[in-house]
N, C-alpha and C. Protein backbone atom coordinates (compact mmCIF):
# COMPACT_ATOMS: atom_id res chain seq x y z
N MET A 1 82.40 166.70 91.19
CA MET A 1 81.68 166.28 90.02
C MET A 1 80.47 167.19 89.81
N ARG A 2 80.25 167.57 88.59
CA ARG A 2 79.11 168.45 88.31
C ARG A 2 78.03 167.71 87.54
N ALA A 3 76.83 168.20 87.65
CA ALA A 3 75.72 167.64 86.88
C ALA A 3 75.66 168.38 85.56
N LEU A 4 75.69 167.62 84.48
CA LEU A 4 75.53 168.18 83.15
C LEU A 4 74.15 167.78 82.66
N THR A 5 73.37 168.75 82.23
CA THR A 5 72.04 168.47 81.69
C THR A 5 71.89 169.21 80.37
N GLY A 6 70.99 168.69 79.54
CA GLY A 6 70.75 169.36 78.27
C GLY A 6 69.56 168.77 77.57
N ARG A 7 69.30 169.32 76.39
CA ARG A 7 68.13 168.90 75.63
C ARG A 7 68.29 169.36 74.19
N CYS A 8 67.46 168.78 73.35
CA CYS A 8 67.41 169.18 71.95
C CYS A 8 66.58 170.46 71.82
N LEU A 9 66.49 170.98 70.63
CA LEU A 9 65.75 172.22 70.37
C LEU A 9 64.28 172.11 70.73
N CYS A 10 63.64 170.98 70.40
CA CYS A 10 62.20 170.83 70.66
C CYS A 10 61.91 170.28 72.07
N GLY A 11 62.92 169.79 72.78
CA GLY A 11 62.75 169.29 74.14
C GLY A 11 62.33 167.84 74.25
N GLN A 12 62.16 167.14 73.12
CA GLN A 12 61.74 165.74 73.20
C GLN A 12 62.86 164.81 73.66
N VAL A 13 64.10 165.23 73.51
CA VAL A 13 65.24 164.46 73.99
C VAL A 13 65.93 165.29 75.08
N GLN A 14 66.08 164.67 76.24
CA GLN A 14 66.77 165.32 77.36
C GLN A 14 67.82 164.36 77.89
N TYR A 15 68.86 164.89 78.48
CA TYR A 15 69.89 164.02 79.04
C TYR A 15 70.46 164.62 80.32
N ALA A 16 71.12 163.76 81.09
CA ALA A 16 71.79 164.18 82.32
C ALA A 16 73.00 163.28 82.54
N ALA A 17 74.01 163.84 83.14
CA ALA A 17 75.21 163.08 83.50
C ALA A 17 75.81 163.71 84.74
N ASN A 18 76.27 162.89 85.65
CA ASN A 18 77.01 163.37 86.81
C ASN A 18 78.47 163.09 86.55
N ALA A 19 79.12 164.03 85.89
CA ALA A 19 80.50 163.82 85.50
C ALA A 19 81.16 165.15 85.17
N ASP A 20 82.42 165.23 85.49
CA ASP A 20 83.22 166.33 84.99
C ASP A 20 83.67 165.96 83.59
N PRO A 21 83.76 166.93 82.70
CA PRO A 21 84.23 166.61 81.35
C PRO A 21 85.62 165.99 81.38
N ALA A 22 85.79 164.91 80.65
CA ALA A 22 87.12 164.30 80.50
C ALA A 22 87.92 165.08 79.47
N ILE A 23 87.19 165.65 78.50
CA ILE A 23 87.82 166.42 77.43
C ILE A 23 86.78 167.38 76.86
N ILE A 24 87.24 168.55 76.49
CA ILE A 24 86.42 169.50 75.73
C ILE A 24 87.24 169.80 74.49
N ALA A 25 86.63 169.62 73.32
CA ALA A 25 87.39 169.74 72.09
C ALA A 25 86.56 170.41 71.00
N VAL A 26 87.26 170.80 69.96
CA VAL A 26 86.65 171.33 68.76
C VAL A 26 87.08 170.42 67.63
N CYS A 27 86.11 169.81 66.96
CA CYS A 27 86.42 168.92 65.85
C CYS A 27 86.16 169.65 64.54
N HIS A 28 87.14 169.57 63.65
CA HIS A 28 87.06 170.24 62.35
C HIS A 28 86.92 169.26 61.20
N CYS A 29 86.63 167.98 61.48
CA CYS A 29 86.54 167.01 60.38
C CYS A 29 85.37 167.39 59.46
N LYS A 30 85.45 166.97 58.22
CA LYS A 30 84.42 167.32 57.23
C LYS A 30 83.02 166.88 57.65
N ASN A 31 82.91 165.70 58.28
CA ASN A 31 81.59 165.22 58.65
C ASN A 31 81.00 166.01 59.81
N CYS A 32 81.82 166.46 60.76
CA CYS A 32 81.30 167.34 61.82
C CYS A 32 80.88 168.68 61.22
N GLN A 33 81.64 169.15 60.24
CA GLN A 33 81.25 170.40 59.57
C GLN A 33 79.89 170.24 58.89
N LYS A 34 79.69 169.13 58.22
CA LYS A 34 78.40 168.90 57.55
C LYS A 34 77.27 168.76 58.57
N GLN A 35 77.55 168.07 59.69
CA GLN A 35 76.50 167.86 60.69
C GLN A 35 76.09 169.18 61.34
N THR A 36 77.05 170.05 61.62
CA THR A 36 76.74 171.30 62.31
C THR A 36 76.38 172.43 61.37
N GLY A 37 76.80 172.32 60.11
CA GLY A 37 76.55 173.41 59.17
C GLY A 37 77.50 174.58 59.36
N THR A 38 78.62 174.32 60.02
CA THR A 38 79.62 175.37 60.24
C THR A 38 81.01 174.74 60.17
N ALA A 39 82.03 175.47 60.54
CA ALA A 39 83.41 175.02 60.36
C ALA A 39 83.89 174.02 61.40
N PHE A 40 83.12 173.79 62.46
CA PHE A 40 83.57 172.90 63.53
C PHE A 40 82.41 172.47 64.40
N SER A 41 82.70 171.53 65.31
CA SER A 41 81.73 171.08 66.30
C SER A 41 82.42 171.12 67.67
N VAL A 42 81.81 171.79 68.63
CA VAL A 42 82.34 171.81 70.00
C VAL A 42 81.72 170.63 70.74
N ILE A 43 82.58 169.78 71.30
CA ILE A 43 82.12 168.55 71.95
C ILE A 43 82.69 168.44 73.35
N VAL A 44 81.91 167.82 74.22
CA VAL A 44 82.28 167.60 75.61
C VAL A 44 82.28 166.09 75.85
N GLY A 45 83.47 165.53 76.06
CA GLY A 45 83.58 164.10 76.29
C GLY A 45 83.40 163.76 77.76
N ILE A 46 82.50 162.81 78.02
CA ILE A 46 82.25 162.35 79.39
C ILE A 46 82.27 160.82 79.39
N PRO A 47 82.49 160.21 80.56
CA PRO A 47 82.39 158.75 80.62
C PRO A 47 81.00 158.29 80.19
N LYS A 48 80.96 157.37 79.25
CA LYS A 48 79.71 156.89 78.66
C LYS A 48 78.74 156.37 79.74
N SER A 49 79.28 155.74 80.76
CA SER A 49 78.44 155.13 81.80
C SER A 49 77.69 156.16 82.65
N THR A 50 78.07 157.43 82.59
CA THR A 50 77.43 158.46 83.42
C THR A 50 76.23 159.12 82.75
N LEU A 51 76.01 158.84 81.48
CA LEU A 51 74.97 159.53 80.72
C LEU A 51 73.64 158.78 80.73
N SER A 52 72.57 159.49 81.04
CA SER A 52 71.22 158.92 80.89
C SER A 52 70.46 159.82 79.93
N ILE A 53 69.75 159.18 79.00
CA ILE A 53 69.01 159.91 77.98
C ILE A 53 67.54 159.56 78.09
N HIS A 54 66.69 160.59 78.03
CA HIS A 54 65.24 160.41 78.06
C HIS A 54 64.70 160.92 76.73
N GLY A 55 63.99 160.06 76.03
CA GLY A 55 63.49 160.39 74.71
C GLY A 55 64.18 159.49 73.69
N LYS A 56 63.65 159.49 72.52
CA LYS A 56 64.15 158.62 71.46
C LYS A 56 65.16 159.35 70.59
N LEU A 57 66.27 158.70 70.32
CA LEU A 57 67.28 159.24 69.41
C LEU A 57 67.27 158.46 68.10
N LYS A 58 67.58 159.13 67.04
CA LYS A 58 67.84 158.47 65.76
C LYS A 58 69.35 158.46 65.59
N ARG A 59 69.86 157.39 64.98
CA ARG A 59 71.31 157.25 64.84
C ARG A 59 71.71 157.21 63.37
N PHE A 60 72.85 157.82 63.11
CA PHE A 60 73.45 157.77 61.79
C PHE A 60 74.83 157.16 61.94
N HIS A 61 75.06 156.06 61.24
CA HIS A 61 76.35 155.38 61.30
C HIS A 61 77.27 156.00 60.26
N ASP A 62 78.42 156.46 60.73
CA ASP A 62 79.36 157.22 59.93
C ASP A 62 80.75 156.58 60.06
N THR A 63 81.69 157.07 59.29
CA THR A 63 83.08 156.63 59.39
C THR A 63 83.93 157.87 59.63
N GLY A 64 84.78 157.81 60.65
CA GLY A 64 85.66 158.92 60.97
C GLY A 64 86.88 158.98 60.08
N ASP A 65 87.66 160.03 60.23
CA ASP A 65 88.91 160.17 59.47
C ASP A 65 89.86 159.02 59.73
N SER A 66 89.70 158.37 60.88
CA SER A 66 90.54 157.22 61.25
C SER A 66 90.16 155.96 60.46
N GLY A 67 89.01 156.01 59.79
CA GLY A 67 88.49 154.83 59.11
C GLY A 67 87.63 153.96 60.01
N ARG A 68 87.51 154.35 61.28
CA ARG A 68 86.73 153.59 62.25
C ARG A 68 85.33 154.18 62.41
N SER A 69 84.47 153.41 63.05
CA SER A 69 83.06 153.75 63.18
C SER A 69 82.82 154.97 64.07
N VAL A 70 81.86 155.79 63.65
CA VAL A 70 81.37 156.95 64.40
C VAL A 70 79.85 156.86 64.37
N GLU A 71 79.22 156.92 65.53
CA GLU A 71 77.76 156.89 65.60
C GLU A 71 77.26 158.25 66.06
N ARG A 72 76.53 158.92 65.19
CA ARG A 72 75.99 160.25 65.48
C ARG A 72 74.52 160.11 65.84
N SER A 73 74.13 160.63 66.99
CA SER A 73 72.75 160.48 67.47
C SER A 73 72.10 161.86 67.57
N PHE A 74 70.85 161.92 67.12
CA PHE A 74 70.16 163.20 67.05
C PHE A 74 68.67 163.01 67.30
N CYS A 75 68.00 164.11 67.58
CA CYS A 75 66.55 164.08 67.79
C CYS A 75 65.85 163.85 66.45
N PRO A 76 64.98 162.85 66.37
CA PRO A 76 64.29 162.60 65.11
C PRO A 76 63.24 163.66 64.76
N GLU A 77 62.84 164.46 65.73
CA GLU A 77 61.82 165.48 65.49
C GLU A 77 62.42 166.79 64.99
N CYS A 78 63.40 167.35 65.73
CA CYS A 78 63.95 168.66 65.36
C CYS A 78 65.32 168.56 64.69
N GLY A 79 65.94 167.39 64.74
CA GLY A 79 67.23 167.20 64.07
C GLY A 79 68.44 167.64 64.86
N SER A 80 68.25 168.11 66.09
CA SER A 80 69.40 168.55 66.88
C SER A 80 70.38 167.41 67.11
N PRO A 81 71.67 167.59 66.77
CA PRO A 81 72.65 166.58 67.11
C PRO A 81 72.86 166.59 68.63
N ILE A 82 72.86 165.41 69.25
CA ILE A 82 72.94 165.34 70.70
C ILE A 82 74.29 164.74 71.15
N ILE A 83 74.59 163.52 70.71
CA ILE A 83 75.83 162.87 71.12
C ILE A 83 76.49 162.18 69.93
N THR A 84 77.77 161.95 70.09
CA THR A 84 78.55 161.18 69.12
C THR A 84 79.37 160.16 69.89
N ASP A 85 79.36 158.92 69.42
CA ASP A 85 80.19 157.86 69.98
C ASP A 85 81.19 157.44 68.91
N VAL A 86 82.46 157.37 69.29
CA VAL A 86 83.51 157.03 68.34
C VAL A 86 84.20 155.74 68.77
N ASP A 87 84.41 154.88 67.81
CA ASP A 87 85.03 153.57 68.03
C ASP A 87 86.42 153.67 68.68
N ILE A 88 87.16 154.73 68.36
CA ILE A 88 88.52 154.83 68.88
C ILE A 88 88.59 155.29 70.34
N MET A 89 87.45 155.73 70.90
CA MET A 89 87.38 156.12 72.32
C MET A 89 86.11 155.53 72.92
N PRO A 90 86.04 154.21 73.08
CA PRO A 90 84.79 153.55 73.46
C PRO A 90 84.31 153.87 74.88
N GLU A 91 85.17 154.36 75.75
CA GLU A 91 84.76 154.65 77.12
C GLU A 91 84.08 156.01 77.26
N LEU A 92 84.16 156.84 76.21
CA LEU A 92 83.59 158.19 76.26
C LEU A 92 82.42 158.32 75.30
N THR A 93 81.54 159.26 75.63
CA THR A 93 80.54 159.73 74.68
C THR A 93 80.72 161.23 74.59
N PHE A 94 80.46 161.79 73.43
CA PHE A 94 80.70 163.21 73.21
C PHE A 94 79.38 163.94 73.04
N ILE A 95 79.09 164.82 73.99
CA ILE A 95 77.89 165.65 73.97
C ILE A 95 78.18 166.85 73.07
N LYS A 96 77.22 167.20 72.24
CA LYS A 96 77.34 168.42 71.45
C LYS A 96 77.11 169.60 72.41
N ALA A 97 78.13 170.43 72.59
CA ALA A 97 78.11 171.47 73.63
C ALA A 97 76.93 172.43 73.52
N GLY A 98 76.46 172.68 72.32
CA GLY A 98 75.34 173.60 72.14
C GLY A 98 74.03 173.10 72.74
N THR A 99 73.95 171.81 73.05
CA THR A 99 72.72 171.27 73.63
C THR A 99 72.71 171.33 75.16
N LEU A 100 73.83 171.69 75.77
CA LEU A 100 73.90 171.78 77.24
C LEU A 100 73.00 172.92 77.74
N ASP A 101 72.35 172.68 78.87
CA ASP A 101 71.57 173.74 79.50
C ASP A 101 72.48 174.89 79.93
N ASP A 102 73.66 174.57 80.41
CA ASP A 102 74.64 175.56 80.82
C ASP A 102 75.88 175.42 79.93
N THR A 103 75.90 176.16 78.84
CA THR A 103 77.00 176.04 77.89
C THR A 103 78.30 176.66 78.40
N SER A 104 78.27 177.32 79.53
CA SER A 104 79.51 177.89 80.07
C SER A 104 80.48 176.82 80.52
N VAL A 105 80.04 175.56 80.60
CA VAL A 105 80.93 174.46 80.98
C VAL A 105 82.13 174.39 80.04
N VAL A 106 81.97 174.79 78.80
CA VAL A 106 83.07 174.70 77.85
C VAL A 106 84.13 175.76 78.10
N SER A 107 83.82 176.79 78.84
CA SER A 107 84.81 177.82 79.14
C SER A 107 85.37 177.71 80.55
N ARG A 108 84.87 176.76 81.34
CA ARG A 108 85.32 176.61 82.72
C ARG A 108 86.37 175.55 82.89
N LYS A 109 86.60 174.70 81.94
CA LYS A 109 87.56 173.59 82.08
C LYS A 109 88.97 174.11 82.17
């Protein structure tokens, strides 16, 4: 098991998890495109119970392509997207890969 750590752009939100990624994916849905400002979002799915967050997150309640709930959490100060929780996979939380301290995790799986 590896330690995953990361933070937002301004550093007010930090997180840690002791977990190997359950999934590493690229999401191309329209809402991920709008959130990232590009054609996709690289996400790292980990067991939700392994994640600890320090700092305050703001949440945006969204609806996925499935029609089910998606909760997007981001830093209220700098706007960095941090995690996404999706109703269809309640046991996982998805870290935005760009916020990881060591982004090479996405190429090691």
